[in-house]
Amino acid sequence: MAMLHSPVGPMSVGFGVREGGGGVGRGSWFGLALLWFGRGIGLLLAIFWGLFFVEHLNAWYLDPKGWPPLWVTAAMVSHGVIILGLAAMLRWTWIGAALTLVGTIGFLAPTIIGGKPAWLMLVNLVPIGLVAMGTLITARRVR
């Protein structure tokens, strides 16, 4: 089997056949596919949320009537953390996933308090789940 080096460490790229049984095994193509599919979705979400971020910056902070409520500012900071986390997931998998999770929770809390819950933000959990499953499947224990 060929060995690859990636941000999650060295891994074998086999076709999922283990000794003593079939199925998708550790270090398989399936794990790598999940890992990169999750990262790809994360990148697309970073672009999507980035567009909303710019639009909301214009709507809330360039208005000559004054600054928005505090909950809006807290949500905008969390929104920025989400974008940073989703983009970071491409290189630093677990740091990006942690930032995305913290940012998503931080975004939901002030929007719920402000009376306008943004449940759509839960879509950020999809790339985290895919990256986590892909990493767990492909990771090798170093002894």
C-alpha atoms as a PDB file:
ATOM      1  CA  MET A   1       0.000   0.000   0.000  1.00  0.00           C
ATOM      2  CA  ALA A   2       1.133   3.536  -0.693  1.00  0.00           C
ATOM      3  CA  MET A   3       1.842   5.906   2.172  1.00  0.00           C
ATOM      4  CA  LEU A   4       0.710   9.516   2.104  1.00  0.00           C
ATOM      5  CA  HIS A   5       1.531  12.337   4.461  1.00  0.00           C
ATOM      6  CA  SER A   6      -1.276  14.743   5.263  1.00  0.00           C
ATOM      7  CA  PRO A   7      -2.231  17.208   7.998  1.00  0.00           C
ATOM      8  CA  VAL A   8      -3.683  14.291   9.972  1.00  0.00           C
ATOM      9  CA  GLY A   9      -0.434  12.335   9.761  1.00  0.00           C
ATOM     10  CA  PRO A  10       0.842   9.450   7.654  1.00  0.00           C
ATOM     11  CA  MET A  11      -1.838   7.126   6.365  1.00  0.00           C
ATOM     12  CA  SER A  12      -2.087   4.179   4.067  1.00  0.00           C
ATOM     13  CA  VAL A  13      -4.197   4.470   0.980  1.00  0.00           C
ATOM     14  CA  GLY A  14      -5.694   1.045   0.504  1.00  0.00           C
ATOM     15  CA  PHE A  15      -9.047  -0.026  -0.747  1.00  0.00           C
ATOM     16  CA  GLY A  16     -10.568  -0.925   2.568  1.00  0.00           C
ATOM     17  CA  VAL A  17      -9.682  -4.611   2.750  1.00  0.00           C
ATOM     18  CA  ARG A  18      -8.485  -5.729   6.154  1.00  0.00           C
ATOM     19  CA  GLU A  19      -6.970  -9.047   7.123  1.00  0.00           C
ATOM     20  CA  GLY A  20      -9.671 -11.339   8.375  1.00  0.00           C
ATOM     21  CA  GLY A  21     -12.542  -9.462   6.773  1.00  0.00           C
ATOM     22  CA  GLY A  22     -13.699  -6.983   4.215  1.00  0.00           C
ATOM     23  CA  GLY A  23     -15.256  -3.583   4.514  1.00  0.00           C
ATOM     24  CA  VAL A  24     -13.847  -0.153   4.822  1.00  0.00           C
ATOM     25  CA  GLY A  25     -10.797  -0.283   7.030  1.00  0.00           C
ATOM     26  CA  ARG A  26      -8.500   2.156   8.736  1.00  0.00           C
ATOM     27  CA  GLY A  27      -6.582   4.374   6.346  1.00  0.00           C
ATOM     28  CA  SER A  28      -8.913   3.655   3.468  1.00  0.00           C
ATOM     29  CA  TRP A  29      -9.965   5.771   0.533  1.00  0.00           C
ATOM     30  CA  PHE A  30     -13.381   6.162   2.168  1.00  0.00           C
ATOM     31  CA  GLY A  31     -11.895   7.978   5.166  1.00  0.00           C
ATOM     32  CA  LEU A  32      -9.893  10.292   2.925  1.00  0.00           C
ATOM     33  CA  ALA A  33     -13.000  10.989   0.851  1.00  0.00           C
ATOM     34  CA  LEU A  34     -14.971  11.913   3.981  1.00  0.00           C
ATOM     35  CA  LEU A  35     -12.127  14.103   5.215  1.00  0.00           C
ATOM     36  CA  TRP A  36     -11.811  16.060   1.981  1.00  0.00           C
ATOM     37  CA  PHE A  37     -15.553  16.197   1.348  1.00  0.00           C
ATOM     38  CA  GLY A  38     -15.964  17.764   4.795  1.00  0.00           C
ATOM     39  CA  ARG A  39     -13.178  20.241   4.083  1.00  0.00           C
ATOM     40  CA  GLY A  40     -14.750  21.115   0.718  1.00  0.00           C
ATOM     41  CA  ILE A  41     -18.136  21.739   2.304  1.00  0.00           C
ATOM     42  CA  GLY A  42     -16.375  23.823   4.955  1.00  0.00           C
ATOM     43  CA  LEU A  43     -14.738  25.954   2.265  1.00  0.00           C
ATOM     44  CA  LEU A  44     -18.049  26.484   0.476  1.00  0.00           C
ATOM     45  CA  LEU A  45     -19.717  27.430   3.757  1.00  0.00           C
ATOM     46  CA  ALA A  46     -16.871  29.846   4.549  1.00  0.00           C
ATOM     47  CA  ILE A  47     -17.496  31.596   1.227  1.00  0.00           C
ATOM     48  CA  PHE A  48     -21.279  31.558   1.766  1.00  0.00           C
ATOM     49  CA  TRP A  49     -21.091  32.927   5.329  1.00  0.00           C
ATOM     50  CA  GLY A  50     -18.394  35.396   4.245  1.00  0.00           C
ATOM     51  CA  LEU A  51     -20.789  36.961   1.756  1.00  0.00           C
ATOM     52  CA  PHE A  52     -23.426  37.305   4.471  1.00  0.00           C
ATOM     53  CA  PHE A  53     -20.804  38.739   6.814  1.00  0.00           C
ATOM     54  CA  VAL A  54     -19.862  41.507   4.379  1.00  0.00           C
ATOM     55  CA  GLU A  55     -23.525  42.284   3.707  1.00  0.00           C
ATOM     56  CA  HIS A  56     -24.334  42.496   7.410  1.00  0.00           C
ATOM     57  CA  LEU A  57     -21.290  44.667   8.072  1.00  0.00           C
ATOM     58  CA  ASN A  58     -22.645  47.101   5.509  1.00  0.00           C
ATOM     59  CA  ALA A  59     -26.180  46.948   6.897  1.00  0.00           C
ATOM     60  CA  TRP A  60     -25.322  47.295  10.587  1.00  0.00           C
ATOM     61  CA  TYR A  61     -22.146  49.337  10.788  1.00  0.00           C
ATOM     62  CA  LEU A  62     -22.203  51.722   7.816  1.00  0.00           C
ATOM     63  CA  ASP A  63     -25.644  53.060   8.725  1.00  0.00           C
ATOM     64  CA  PRO A  64     -25.359  56.697   9.844  1.00  0.00           C
ATOM     65  CA  LYS A  65     -28.082  56.190  12.492  1.00  0.00           C
ATOM     66  CA  GLY A  66     -25.656  54.696  15.001  1.00  0.00           C
ATOM     67  CA  TRP A  67     -24.280  51.424  16.270  1.00  0.00           C
ATOM     68  CA  PRO A  68     -26.393  48.263  16.469  1.00  0.00           C
ATOM     69  CA  PRO A  69     -27.444  46.572  19.730  1.00  0.00           C
ATOM     70  CA  LEU A  70     -24.785  44.678  21.673  1.00  0.00           C
ATOM     71  CA  TRP A  71     -26.235  41.270  20.733  1.00  0.00           C
ATOM     72  CA  VAL A  72     -25.699  42.124  17.052  1.00  0.00           C
ATOM     73  CA  THR A  73     -22.047  42.963  17.666  1.00  0.00           C
ATOM     74  CA  ALA A  74     -21.590  39.692  19.601  1.00  0.00           C
ATOM     75  CA  ALA A  75     -23.213  37.779  16.744  1.00  0.00           C
ATOM     76  CA  MET A  76     -20.937  39.486  14.201  1.00  0.00           C
ATOM     77  CA  VAL A  77     -17.804  38.564  16.172  1.00  0.00           C
ATOM     78  CA  SER A  78     -19.028  34.952  16.360  1.00  0.00           C
ATOM     79  CA  HIS A  79     -19.843  35.050  12.653  1.00  0.00           C
ATOM     80  CA  GLY A  80     -16.231  36.037  11.948  1.00  0.00           C
ATOM     81  CA  VAL A  81     -14.973  33.178  14.150  1.00  0.00           C
ATOM     82  CA  ILE A  82     -17.164  30.746  12.159  1.00  0.00           C
ATOM     83  CA  ILE A  83     -15.656  31.908   8.868  1.00  0.00           C
ATOM     84  CA  LEU A  84     -12.137  31.715  10.270  1.00  0.00           C
ATOM     85  CA  GLY A  85     -12.792  28.215  11.647  1.00  0.00           C
ATOM     86  CA  LEU A  86     -14.276  26.874   8.421  1.00  0.00           C
ATOM     87  CA  ALA A  87     -11.324  28.203   6.432  1.00  0.00           C
ATOM     88  CA  ALA A  88      -8.797  26.937   9.006  1.00  0.00           C
ATOM     89  CA  MET A  89     -10.285  23.451   8.746  1.00  0.00           C
ATOM     90  CA  LEU A  90      -8.513  23.099   5.387  1.00  0.00           C
ATOM     91  CA  ARG A  91      -5.096  23.128   7.045  1.00  0.00           C
ATOM     92  CA  TRP A  92      -5.583  22.643  10.792  1.00  0.00           C
ATOM     93  CA  THR A  93      -8.455  20.200  11.032  1.00  0.00           C
ATOM     94  CA  TRP A  94      -9.153  20.156  14.764  1.00  0.00           C
ATOM     95  CA  ILE A  95      -8.378  23.819  15.405  1.00  0.00           C
ATOM     96  CA  GLY A  96     -10.727  24.779  12.581  1.00  0.00           C
ATOM     97  CA  ALA A  97     -13.427  22.428  13.840  1.00  0.00           C
ATOM     98  CA  ALA A  98     -13.134  23.824  17.377  1.00  0.00           C
ATOM     99  CA  LEU A  99     -13.293  27.435  16.164  1.00  0.00           C
ATOM    100  CA  THR A 100     -16.304  26.627  13.992  1.00  0.00           C
ATOM    101  CA  LEU A 101     -18.113  24.946  16.877  1.00  0.00           C
ATOM    102  CA  VAL A 102     -17.359  27.768  19.329  1.00  0.00           C
ATOM    103  CA  GLY A 103     -18.368  30.386  16.749  1.00  0.00           C
ATOM    104  CA  THR A 104     -21.616  28.585  15.919  1.00  0.00           C
ATOM    105  CA  ILE A 105     -22.607  28.324  19.580  1.00  0.00           C
ATOM    106  CA  GLY A 106     -21.535  31.931  20.105  1.00  0.00           C
ATOM    107  CA  PHE A 107     -23.638  33.027  17.163  1.00  0.00           C
ATOM    108  CA  LEU A 108     -26.754  31.140  18.181  1.00  0.00           C
ATOM    109  CA  ALA A 109     -26.774  32.427  21.776  1.00  0.00           C
ATOM    110  CA  PRO A 110     -27.076  36.180  21.034  1.00  0.00           C
ATOM    111  CA  THR A 111     -29.506  35.628  18.170  1.00  0.00           C
ATOM    112  CA  ILE A 112     -31.774  33.615  20.458  1.00  0.00           C
ATOM    113  CA  ILE A 113     -31.490  36.321  23.135  1.00  0.00           C
ATOM    114  CA  GLY A 114     -32.235  38.948  20.478  1.00  0.00           C
ATOM    115  CA  GLY A 115     -35.398  37.058  19.553  1.00  0.00           C
ATOM    116  CA  LYS A 116     -34.232  36.069  16.056  1.00  0.00           C
ATOM    117  CA  PRO A 117     -32.736  32.571  16.308  1.00  0.00           C
ATOM    118  CA  ALA A 118     -30.618  31.618  13.309  1.00  0.00           C
ATOM    119  CA  TRP A 119     -31.048  27.845  13.293  1.00  0.00           C
ATOM    120  CA  LEU A 120     -29.553  27.693   9.801  1.00  0.00           C
ATOM    121  CA  MET A 121     -26.144  28.071  11.473  1.00  0.00           C
ATOM    122  CA  LEU A 122     -26.425  24.445  12.591  1.00  0.00           C
ATOM    123  CA  VAL A 123     -25.406  23.517   9.030  1.00  0.00           C
ATOM    124  CA  ASN A 124     -21.853  24.279  10.230  1.00  0.00           C
ATOM    125  CA  LEU A 125     -21.919  20.989  12.128  1.00  0.00           C
ATOM    126  CA  VAL A 126     -21.980  19.014   8.841  1.00  0.00           C
ATOM    127  CA  PRO A 127     -18.335  19.625   7.825  1.00  0.00           C
ATOM    128  CA  ILE A 128     -17.223  19.110  11.432  1.00  0.00           C
ATOM    129  CA  GLY A 129     -18.917  15.701  11.497  1.00  0.00           C
ATOM    130  CA  LEU A 130     -17.536  14.662   8.114  1.00  0.00           C
ATOM    131  CA  VAL A 131     -13.995  15.764   8.975  1.00  0.00           C
ATOM    132  CA  ALA A 132     -14.200  14.005  12.338  1.00  0.00           C
ATOM    133  CA  MET A 133     -15.390  10.735  10.776  1.00  0.00           C
ATOM    134  CA  GLY A 134     -12.791  10.936   8.014  1.00  0.00           C
ATOM    135  CA  THR A 135     -10.000  11.629  10.471  1.00  0.00           C
ATOM    136  CA  LEU A 136     -11.040   8.795  12.757  1.00  0.00           C
ATOM    137  CA  ILE A 137     -11.141   6.352   9.856  1.00  0.00           C
ATOM    138  CA  THR A 138      -7.786   7.397   8.382  1.00  0.00           C
ATOM    139  CA  ALA A 139      -5.764   8.126  11.519  1.00  0.00           C
ATOM    140  CA  ARG A 140      -3.103   5.669  12.540  1.00  0.00           C
ATOM    141  CA  ARG A 141      -1.954   5.271  16.118  1.00  0.00           C
ATOM    142  CA  VAL A 142       1.732   6.005  16.535  1.00  0.00           C
ATOM    143  CA  ARG A 143       3.364   3.574  18.977  1.00  0.00           C
END
